C-alpha atoms as a PDB file:
ATOM      1  CA  MET A   1       0.000   0.000   0.000  1.00  0.00           C
ATOM      2  CA  ASN A   2       1.600   3.296  -1.095  1.00  0.00           C
ATOM      3  CA  LYS A   3       1.800   6.439   0.980  1.00  0.00           C
ATOM      4  CA  LYS A   4      -0.913   8.252  -1.010  1.00  0.00           C
ATOM      5  CA  THR A   5      -3.431   5.462  -0.448  1.00  0.00           C
ATOM      6  CA  VAL A   6      -2.731   5.442   3.285  1.00  0.00           C
ATOM      7  CA  ILE A   7      -3.359   9.191   3.521  1.00  0.00           C
ATOM      8  CA  ILE A   8      -6.711   8.838   1.693  1.00  0.00           C
ATOM      9  CA  LEU A   9      -7.840   6.010   3.982  1.00  0.00           C
ATOM     10  CA  VAL A  10      -6.899   8.026   7.081  1.00  0.00           C
ATOM     11  CA  LEU A  11      -8.875  11.051   5.821  1.00  0.00           C
ATOM     12  CA  LEU A  12     -11.926   8.888   5.072  1.00  0.00           C
ATOM     13  CA  LEU A  13     -11.772   7.431   8.585  1.00  0.00           C
ATOM     14  CA  ILE A  14     -11.577  10.896  10.163  1.00  0.00           C
ATOM     15  CA  PHE A  15     -14.524  12.219   8.151  1.00  0.00           C
ATOM     16  CA  GLY A  16     -16.520   9.086   8.944  1.00  0.00           C
ATOM     17  CA  VAL A  17     -16.054   9.606  12.685  1.00  0.00           C
ATOM     18  CA  ILE A  18     -16.992  13.302  12.415  1.00  0.00           C
ATOM     19  CA  GLY A  19     -20.086  12.429  10.385  1.00  0.00           C
ATOM     20  CA  PHE A  20     -21.206   9.901  12.987  1.00  0.00           C
ATOM     21  CA  PHE A  21     -21.232  12.495  15.760  1.00  0.00           C
ATOM     22  CA  VAL A  22     -22.656  15.321  13.653  1.00  0.00           C
ATOM     23  CA  PHE A  23     -25.512  13.390  12.082  1.00  0.00           C
ATOM     24  CA  LYS A  24     -26.253  10.943  14.854  1.00  0.00           C
ATOM     25  CA  GLU A  25     -29.947  11.328  15.784  1.00  0.00           C
ATOM     26  CA  LYS A  26     -30.349  12.945  19.158  1.00  0.00           C
ATOM     27  CA  PRO A  27     -32.755  11.307  21.597  1.00  0.00           C
ATOM     28  CA  LYS A  28     -36.084  13.110  21.706  1.00  0.00           C
ATOM     29  CA  ALA A  29     -36.963  14.794  24.974  1.00  0.00           C
ATOM     30  CA  LYS A  30     -40.282  14.038  26.537  1.00  0.00           C
ATOM     31  CA  ASN A  31     -42.733  16.803  25.651  1.00  0.00           C
ATOM     32  CA  GLU A  32     -44.581  16.814  28.958  1.00  0.00           C
ATOM     33  CA  THR A  33     -44.975  20.562  29.222  1.00  0.00           C
ATOM     34  CA  ALA A  34     -45.205  23.375  26.718  1.00  0.00           C
ATOM     35  CA  LYS A  35     -42.034  25.275  25.874  1.00  0.00           C
ATOM     36  CA  PRO A  36     -41.440  28.495  23.949  1.00  0.00           C
ATOM     37  CA  LEU A  37     -41.146  27.829  20.223  1.00  0.00           C
ATOM     38  CA  ASN A  38     -37.498  28.036  19.074  1.00  0.00           C
ATOM     39  CA  THR A  39     -36.528  29.874  22.226  1.00  0.00           C
ATOM     40  CA  ASN A  40     -32.965  28.848  22.926  1.00  0.00           C
ATOM     41  CA  SER A  41     -31.775  31.553  25.280  1.00  0.00           C
ATOM     42  CA  LYS A  42     -32.708  34.708  27.147  1.00  0.00           C
ATOM     43  CA  SER A  43     -30.990  36.777  24.466  1.00  0.00           C
ATOM     44  CA  GLU A  44     -33.058  35.412  21.535  1.00  0.00           C
ATOM     45  CA  PRO A  45     -36.586  34.493  22.687  1.00  0.00           C
ATOM     46  CA  THR A  46     -39.409  34.344  20.139  1.00  0.00           C
ATOM     47  CA  PHE A  47     -42.309  34.367  22.661  1.00  0.00           C
ATOM     48  CA  LEU A  48     -44.272  31.942  20.493  1.00  0.00           C
ATOM     49  CA  LEU A  49     -45.782  28.820  22.011  1.00  0.00           C
ATOM     50  CA  GLU A  50     -44.588  25.420  20.936  1.00  0.00           C
ATOM     51  CA  GLY A  51     -47.555  24.203  18.917  1.00  0.00           C
ATOM     52  CA  PHE A  52     -48.529  27.529  17.370  1.00  0.00           C
ATOM     53  CA  PRO A  53     -48.901  26.759  13.608  1.00  0.00           C
ATOM     54  CA  ILE A  54     -46.454  29.393  12.371  1.00  0.00           C
ATOM     55  CA  GLU A  55     -45.813  27.438   9.164  1.00  0.00           C
ATOM     56  CA  LYS A  56     -49.522  27.608   8.301  1.00  0.00           C
ATOM     57  CA  VAL A  57     -50.304  31.057   9.720  1.00  0.00           C
ATOM     58  CA  PRO A  58     -47.263  33.321   9.208  1.00  0.00           C
ATOM     59  CA  LEU A  59     -46.887  36.569  11.150  1.00  0.00           C
ATOM     60  CA  PHE A  60     -46.672  39.110   8.336  1.00  0.00           C
ATOM     61  CA  LYS A  61     -43.629  41.408   8.424  1.00  0.00           C
ATOM     62  CA  LEU A  62     -42.971  40.369  12.006  1.00  0.00           C
ATOM     63  CA  LYS A  63     -40.891  42.802  14.016  1.00  0.00           C
ATOM     64  CA  LYS A  64     -41.474  41.502  17.533  1.00  0.00           C
ATOM     65  CA  VAL A  65     -44.016  39.283  19.317  1.00  0.00           C
ATOM     66  CA  SER A  66     -45.707  40.982  22.259  1.00  0.00           C
ATOM     67  CA  SER A  67     -47.634  37.932  23.513  1.00  0.00           C
ATOM     68  CA  ASN A  68     -48.852  34.511  22.454  1.00  0.00           C
ATOM     69  CA  LYS A  69     -51.564  32.715  24.427  1.00  0.00           C
ATOM     70  CA  ILE A  70     -53.800  29.672  24.101  1.00  0.00           C
ATOM     71  CA  PHE A  71     -57.380  29.928  25.387  1.00  0.00           C
ATOM     72  CA  VAL A  72     -59.897  27.158  26.047  1.00  0.00           C
ATOM     73  CA  ASN A  73     -63.447  28.382  26.725  1.00  0.00           C
ATOM     74  CA  THR A  74     -66.454  26.253  27.689  1.00  0.00           C
ATOM     75  CA  ASP A  75     -68.750  29.006  28.966  1.00  0.00           C
ATOM     76  CA  PRO A  76     -72.248  28.270  27.582  1.00  0.00           C
ATOM     77  CA  LYS A  77     -72.954  32.022  27.512  1.00  0.00           C
ATOM     78  CA  ASN A  78     -69.958  32.747  25.262  1.00  0.00           C
ATOM     79  CA  LEU A  79     -69.594  32.580  21.498  1.00  0.00           C
ATOM     80  CA  SER A  80     -66.270  32.687  19.679  1.00  0.00           C
ATOM     81  CA  GLY A  81     -65.443  35.208  16.985  1.00  0.00           C
ATOM     82  CA  PHE A  82     -66.825  32.579  14.603  1.00  0.00           C
ATOM     83  CA  ASN A  83     -70.120  32.186  16.521  1.00  0.00           C
ATOM     84  CA  GLU A  84     -69.207  28.814  18.016  1.00  0.00           C
ATOM     85  CA  LYS A  85     -69.594  27.509  21.550  1.00  0.00           C
ATOM     86  CA  ASN A  86     -66.861  25.538  23.305  1.00  0.00           C
ATOM     87  CA  PHE A  87     -63.773  26.784  21.500  1.00  0.00           C
ATOM     88  CA  ALA A  88     -59.993  26.949  21.729  1.00  0.00           C
ATOM     89  CA  TYR A  89     -57.736  29.418  19.990  1.00  0.00           C
ATOM     90  CA  TYR A  90     -54.234  30.850  19.859  1.00  0.00           C
ATOM     91  CA  ASN A  91     -54.020  34.608  20.227  1.00  0.00           C
ATOM     92  CA  VAL A  92     -50.931  36.487  19.040  1.00  0.00           C
ATOM     93  CA  VAL A  93     -50.219  40.176  19.496  1.00  0.00           C
ATOM     94  CA  PHE A  94     -47.194  41.310  17.516  1.00  0.00           C
ATOM     95  CA  TYR A  95     -45.527  44.360  16.037  1.00  0.00           C
ATOM     96  CA  SER A  96     -45.458  44.403  12.237  1.00  0.00           C
ATOM     97  CA  ASP A  97     -43.668  46.613   9.736  1.00  0.00           C
ATOM     98  CA  ALA A  98     -46.759  46.431   7.513  1.00  0.00           C
ATOM     99  CA  SER A  99     -49.326  49.193   7.171  1.00  0.00           C
ATOM    100  CA  GLN A 100     -52.932  48.380   8.039  1.00  0.00           C
ATOM    101  CA  GLU A 101     -53.825  47.993   4.350  1.00  0.00           C
ATOM    102  CA  GLU A 102     -50.833  45.738   3.627  1.00  0.00           C
ATOM    103  CA  PHE A 103     -51.529  43.663   6.723  1.00  0.00           C
ATOM    104  CA  LEU A 104     -55.208  43.004   6.018  1.00  0.00           C
ATOM    105  CA  ASP A 105     -54.648  42.424   2.292  1.00  0.00           C
ATOM    106  CA  TYR A 106     -51.922  39.870   3.040  1.00  0.00           C
ATOM    107  CA  TYR A 107     -54.169  37.693   5.189  1.00  0.00           C
ATOM    108  CA  LYS A 108     -57.173  38.162   2.937  1.00  0.00           C
ATOM    109  CA  ASN A 109     -55.135  36.811   0.025  1.00  0.00           C
ATOM    110  CA  LEU A 110     -53.605  34.073   2.188  1.00  0.00           C
ATOM    111  CA  PHE A 111     -56.964  32.571   3.171  1.00  0.00           C
ATOM    112  CA  GLU A 112     -58.105  29.506   1.258  1.00  0.00           C
ATOM    113  CA  THR A 113     -61.630  30.757   1.870  1.00  0.00           C
ATOM    114  CA  GLU A 114     -62.512  34.220   3.125  1.00  0.00           C
ATOM    115  CA  ILE A 115     -65.364  34.500   5.630  1.00  0.00           C
ATOM    116  CA  VAL A 116     -67.453  37.533   4.752  1.00  0.00           C
ATOM    117  CA  GLU A 117     -69.951  38.640   7.393  1.00  0.00           C
ATOM    118  CA  GLU A 118     -73.039  40.774   6.979  1.00  0.00           C
ATOM    119  CA  TYR A 119     -71.571  43.520   9.135  1.00  0.00           C
ATOM    120  CA  GLN A 120     -67.926  43.427   8.124  1.00  0.00           C
ATOM    121  CA  ASN A 121     -65.371  45.010  10.461  1.00  0.00           C
ATOM    122  CA  SER A 122     -63.090  47.244   8.384  1.00  0.00           C
ATOM    123  CA  ASP A 123     -60.217  46.576  10.816  1.00  0.00           C
ATOM    124  CA  MET A 124     -60.427  42.777  10.555  1.00  0.00           C
ATOM    125  CA  VAL A 125     -60.518  39.966   8.015  1.00  0.00           C
ATOM    126  CA  LYS A 126     -61.558  36.357   8.655  1.00  0.00           C
ATOM    127  CA  GLY A 127     -61.005  33.172   6.750  1.00  0.00           C
ATOM    128  CA  VAL A 128     -60.067  29.494   6.653  1.00  0.00           C
ATOM    129  CA  LEU A 129     -56.560  28.061   6.414  1.00  0.00           C
ATOM    130  CA  GLY A 130     -56.609  24.275   6.370  1.00  0.00           C
ATOM    131  CA  GLU A 131     -58.084  23.055   9.645  1.00  0.00           C
ATOM    132  CA  TYR A 132     -57.994  26.520  11.220  1.00  0.00           C
ATOM    133  CA  LYS A 133     -60.367  29.459  11.254  1.00  0.00           C
ATOM    134  CA  VAL A 134     -58.293  32.626  11.432  1.00  0.00           C
ATOM    135  CA  SER A 135     -58.969  36.281  12.148  1.00  0.00           C
ATOM    136  CA  ALA A 136     -56.425  39.044  11.510  1.00  0.00           C
ATOM    137  CA  ALA A 137     -56.912  42.561  12.856  1.00  0.00           C
ATOM    138  CA  HIS A 138     -54.985  45.815  12.559  1.00  0.00           C
ATOM    139  CA  TYR A 139     -56.513  49.025  13.884  1.00  0.00           C
ATOM    140  CA  GLY A 140     -54.279  51.434  12.010  1.00  0.00           C
ATOM    141  CA  SER A 141     -53.302  53.656  14.927  1.00  0.00           C
ATOM    142  CA  ASP A 142     -49.979  51.877  15.509  1.00  0.00           C
ATOM    143  CA  ASN A 143     -47.949  48.964  14.141  1.00  0.00           C
ATOM    144  CA  THR A 144     -49.694  46.231  16.157  1.00  0.00           C
ATOM    145  CA  GLY A 145     -51.286  43.191  14.549  1.00  0.00           C
ATOM    146  CA  TYR A 146     -53.659  40.701  16.184  1.00  0.00           C
ATOM    147  CA  ILE A 147     -54.069  37.106  15.052  1.00  0.00           C
ATOM    148  CA  GLN A 148     -56.500  34.499  16.368  1.00  0.00           C
ATOM    149  CA  VAL A 149     -56.149  30.897  15.200  1.00  0.00           C
ATOM    150  CA  HIS A 150     -59.177  28.821  16.172  1.00  0.00           C
ATOM    151  CA  LEU A 151     -58.725  25.069  16.471  1.00  0.00           C
ATOM    152  CA  SER A 152     -61.191  22.606  15.029  1.00  0.00           C
ATOM    153  CA  ASN A 153     -61.410  20.712  18.336  1.00  0.00           C
ATOM    154  CA  TYR A 154     -61.387  22.563  21.666  1.00  0.00           C
ATOM    155  CA  ASN A 155     -60.883  19.199  23.407  1.00  0.00           C
ATOM    156  CA  ASP A 156     -57.727  18.320  21.474  1.00  0.00           C
ATOM    157  CA  GLU A 157     -55.404  16.301  23.728  1.00  0.00           C
ATOM    158  CA  SER A 158     -52.404  18.216  22.389  1.00  0.00           C
ATOM    159  CA  LEU A 159     -53.600  21.201  24.434  1.00  0.00           C
ATOM    160  CA  ASN A 160     -53.027  19.336  27.707  1.00  0.00           C
ATOM    161  CA  LYS A 161     -49.313  20.177  27.657  1.00  0.00           C
ATOM    162  CA  TYR A 162     -50.091  23.843  28.242  1.00  0.00           C
ATOM    163  CA  PHE A 163     -51.986  23.220  31.466  1.00  0.00           C
ATOM    164  CA  VAL A 164     -50.297  20.217  33.065  1.00  0.00           C
ATOM    165  CA  ASP A 165     -48.311  22.563  35.335  1.00  0.00           C
ATOM    166  CA  PHE A 166     -51.186  24.941  36.128  1.00  0.00           C
ATOM    167  CA  PRO A 167     -50.877  25.521  39.904  1.00  0.00           C
ATOM    168  CA  LYS A 168     -53.845  24.175  41.863  1.00  0.00           C
ATOM    169  CA  ILE A 169     -54.412  27.409  43.780  1.00  0.00           C
ATOM    170  CA  ILE A 170     -58.141  27.675  43.136  1.00  0.00           C
ATOM    171  CA  GLU A 171     -60.263  24.791  41.882  1.00  0.00           C
ATOM    172  CA  ALA A 172     -63.909  24.294  40.959  1.00  0.00           C
ATOM    173  CA  ASN A 173     -66.166  23.453  43.901  1.00  0.00           C
ATOM    174  CA  GLU A 174     -69.831  23.589  44.925  1.00  0.00           C
ATOM    175  CA  TYR A 175     -69.849  27.346  44.263  1.00  0.00           C
ATOM    176  CA  LEU A 176     -67.653  27.512  41.166  1.00  0.00           C
ATOM    177  CA  VAL A 177     -67.664  26.148  37.605  1.00  0.00           C
ATOM    178  CA  GLU A 178     -64.499  26.598  35.539  1.00  0.00           C
ATOM    179  CA  HIS A 179     -65.326  28.163  32.172  1.00  0.00           C
ATOM    180  CA  GLU A 180     -62.036  29.387  30.722  1.00  0.00           C
ATOM    181  CA  LYS A 181     -58.324  28.781  31.100  1.00  0.00           C
ATOM    182  CA  SER A 182     -55.317  30.171  29.270  1.00  0.00           C
ATOM    183  CA  TYR A 183     -51.564  29.788  29.102  1.00  0.00           C
ATOM    184  CA  GLY A 184     -49.246  32.276  27.477  1.00  0.00           C
ATOM    185  CA  LEU A 185     -45.861  33.887  26.995  1.00  0.00           C
ATOM    186  CA  LEU A 186     -45.523  37.634  27.520  1.00  0.00           C
ATOM    187  CA  ASN A 187     -42.744  39.801  26.150  1.00  0.00           C
ATOM    188  CA  GLN A 188     -42.360  42.013  29.217  1.00  0.00           C
ATOM    189  CA  LYS A 189     -40.158  42.174  32.296  1.00  0.00           C
ATOM    190  CA  GLY A 190     -37.619  40.086  30.394  1.00  0.00           C
ATOM    191  CA  GLY A 191     -40.258  37.474  29.549  1.00  0.00           C
ATOM    192  CA  GLU A 192     -43.116  36.053  31.621  1.00  0.00           C
ATOM    193  CA  ILE A 193     -45.323  32.978  31.724  1.00  0.00           C
ATOM    194  CA  GLU A 194     -48.977  33.708  32.433  1.00  0.00           C
ATOM    195  CA  TYR A 195     -51.760  31.365  33.503  1.00  0.00           C
ATOM    196  CA  THR A 196     -55.363  32.545  33.810  1.00  0.00           C
ATOM    197  CA  LYS A 197     -58.684  31.000  34.717  1.00  0.00           C
ATOM    198  CA  TYR A 198     -62.142  32.290  35.306  1.00  0.00           C
ATOM    199  CA  PHE A 199     -64.941  30.585  37.160  1.00  0.00           C
ATOM    200  CA  THR A 200     -68.665  31.265  37.058  1.00  0.00           C
ATOM    201  CA  VAL A 201     -70.152  31.590  40.540  1.00  0.00           C
ATOM    202  CA  ILE A 202     -73.182  29.326  40.965  1.00  0.00           C
ATOM    203  CA  ASP A 203     -76.168  31.239  42.331  1.00  0.00           C
ATOM    204  CA  SER A 204     -78.247  28.903  44.500  1.00  0.00           C
ATOM    205  CA  GLY A 205     -81.144  31.381  44.309  1.00  0.00           C
ATOM    206  CA  ASP A 206     -84.144  31.854  46.566  1.00  0.00           C
ATOM    207  CA  LYS A 207     -85.236  28.333  47.469  1.00  0.00           C
ATOM    208  CA  ASN A 208     -87.425  29.367  50.413  1.00  0.00           C
ATOM    209  CA  ASN A 209     -89.232  32.008  48.333  1.00  0.00           C
ATOM    210  CA  ASP A 210     -88.727  34.861  50.773  1.00  0.00           C
ATOM    211  CA  GLY A 211     -87.602  37.257  48.047  1.00  0.00           C
ATOM    212  CA  LYS A 212     -83.922  37.051  48.997  1.00  0.00           C
ATOM    213  CA  ASP A 213     -81.046  34.832  48.009  1.00  0.00           C
ATOM    214  CA  ASP A 214     -80.551  32.111  50.597  1.00  0.00           C
ATOM    215  CA  VAL A 215     -76.746  32.218  50.291  1.00  0.00           C
ATOM    216  CA  ASP A 216     -74.285  34.991  49.440  1.00  0.00           C
ATOM    217  CA  GLU A 217     -71.818  32.848  47.529  1.00  0.00           C
ATOM    218  CA  PHE A 218     -69.475  35.759  46.847  1.00  0.00           C
ATOM    219  CA  LEU A 219     -69.213  36.605  50.537  1.00  0.00           C
ATOM    220  CA  ILE A 220     -68.445  32.972  51.372  1.00  0.00           C
ATOM    221  CA  LEU A 221     -65.742  32.826  48.701  1.00  0.00           C
ATOM    222  CA  GLU A 222     -64.300  36.192  49.745  1.00  0.00           C
ATOM    223  CA  ASP A 223     -63.936  35.055  53.366  1.00  0.00           C
ATOM    224  CA  GLU A 224     -62.471  31.720  52.258  1.00  0.00           C
ATOM    225  CA  TYR A 225     -59.825  33.345  50.064  1.00  0.00           C
ATOM    226  CA  LYS A 226     -58.894  35.879  52.743  1.00  0.00           C
ATOM    227  CA  LYS A 227     -58.171  33.068  55.185  1.00  0.00           C
ATOM    228  CA  GLN A 228     -56.382  31.023  52.523  1.00  0.00           C
ATOM    229  CA  PHE A 229     -54.027  33.730  51.239  1.00  0.00           C
ATOM    230  CA  GLU A 230     -53.665  36.469  53.860  1.00  0.00           C
ATOM    231  CA  LYS A 231     -50.504  34.915  55.309  1.00  0.00           C
ATOM    232  CA  ASN A 232     -48.739  34.870  51.948  1.00  0.00           C
ATOM    233  CA  PRO A 233     -46.046  37.455  51.142  1.00  0.00           C
ATOM    234  CA  GLU A 234     -47.204  40.733  49.549  1.00  0.00           C
ATOM    235  CA  TYR A 235     -50.852  39.995  50.387  1.00  0.00           C
ATOM    236  CA  SER A 236     -53.378  42.788  49.853  1.00  0.00           C
ATOM    237  CA  TYR A 237     -57.117  43.020  49.319  1.00  0.00           C
ATOM    238  CA  ASP A 238     -59.220  45.956  48.104  1.00  0.00           C
ATOM    239  CA  SER A 239     -62.818  45.277  49.095  1.00  0.00           C
ATOM    240  CA  LYS A 240     -64.092  48.029  46.749  1.00  0.00           C
ATOM    241  CA  THR A 241     -62.536  46.561  43.615  1.00  0.00           C
ATOM    242  CA  GLY A 242     -62.602  42.938  44.791  1.00  0.00           C
ATOM    243  CA  ILE A 243     -58.944  42.538  43.811  1.00  0.00           C
ATOM    244  CA  MET A 244     -56.708  40.352  45.957  1.00  0.00           C
ATOM    245  CA  LYS A 245     -52.954  40.012  45.420  1.00  0.00           C
ATOM    246  CA  TRP A 246     -50.206  37.892  46.926  1.00  0.00           C
ATOM    247  CA  ASN A 247     -47.039  35.984  46.080  1.00  0.00           C
ATOM    248  CA  ASP A 248     -47.248  32.203  45.855  1.00  0.00           C
ATOM    249  CA  GLY A 249     -43.749  30.805  45.483  1.00  0.00           C
ATOM    250  CA  GLU A 250     -42.412  32.087  42.163  1.00  0.00           C
ATOM    251  CA  PHE A 251     -45.839  33.322  41.055  1.00  0.00           C
ATOM    252  CA  GLU A 252     -47.377  36.771  41.402  1.00  0.00           C
ATOM    253  CA  ALA A 253     -51.077  36.031  41.927  1.00  0.00           C
ATOM    254  CA  THR A 254     -54.044  38.319  41.257  1.00  0.00           C
ATOM    255  CA  LEU A 255     -57.587  37.269  42.109  1.00  0.00           C
ATOM    256  CA  SER A 256     -60.598  39.341  41.071  1.00  0.00           C
ATOM    257  CA  ILE A 257     -63.923  38.755  42.813  1.00  0.00           C
ATOM    258  CA  SER A 258     -66.388  40.254  40.347  1.00  0.00           C
ATOM    259  CA  ARG A 259     -70.030  40.344  41.414  1.00  0.00           C
ATOM    260  CA  ASP A 260     -70.934  42.362  38.308  1.00  0.00           C
ATOM    261  CA  HIS A 261     -69.704  39.589  36.022  1.00  0.00           C
ATOM    262  CA  GLY A 262     -70.777  36.755  38.315  1.00  0.00           C
ATOM    263  CA  ARG A 263     -67.225  35.414  38.100  1.00  0.00           C
ATOM    264  CA  ILE A 264     -63.958  34.825  39.908  1.00  0.00           C
ATOM    265  CA  TYR A 265     -60.849  35.599  37.843  1.00  0.00           C
ATOM    266  CA  LEU A 266     -57.388  34.236  38.614  1.00  0.00           C
ATOM    267  CA  MET A 267     -54.133  35.375  36.997  1.00  0.00           C
ATOM    268  CA  LEU A 268     -50.692  33.941  37.784  1.00  0.00           C
ATOM    269  CA  ARG A 269     -47.418  35.247  36.369  1.00  0.00           C
ATOM    270  CA  LYS A 270     -43.818  34.170  36.794  1.00  0.00           C
ATOM    271  CA  PRO A 271     -40.522  34.892  35.000  1.00  0.00           C
ATOM    272  CA  LEU A 272     -39.914  32.870  31.844  1.00  0.00           C
ATOM    273  CA  PHE A 273     -36.212  32.722  32.571  1.00  0.00           C
ATOM    274  CA  LYS A 274     -34.861  31.984  36.025  1.00  0.00           C
END
């Protein structure tokens, strides 16, 4: 074997070893919880949820994402922007370099089928893209665009990953029915994770027919939450607004007791990066 042949064989062996390590398939991590889409570091976050169909619904002339959230709503009194009950959708707020006209025309032309309503909103277009119903809005006063991507199945099991870590601070009980939950990424304070829920308060009514409600459910819940959270750090409660705040571990918690809406609202926020 001559010297030239030996050199070639050595080079082939070296490149073979390098190729093995470069192209070797990496083991897939368990996708038990939702992660930011393509967010590799604090310096280059995208603030898009893993699972948002960016390849199907592009963000036109994207400059920066302000927030991306997933909502699941089962309130029988609520209709979606497409007049449907029981719905789930991604909501994206982002800054775009497009003008209002460019923005709306882009999505109108992108839709496979445009949805034209009797009373059309001049600031919004709606349409269908594959399995999704999509609305795109731009109000012209600034460079902010709003996208909603409605899923075909609000009960899709793929949505579970967003809520598996939702802290069990407040749960449905004899007075409360859960009607909406959300999970999202916020581009503020260096990046935040936000969970929200709202519950409808069940009114037991006037069973003894004396002209008055038998039970003040809101008062019961108010007293319960005071006792439950008043010992937490940074606790405060404004009885006029019905807003209660406290810190729960790494979360900043805000609870709104809203008699006017007949609901209890919960919002939890924590830093995206530790």
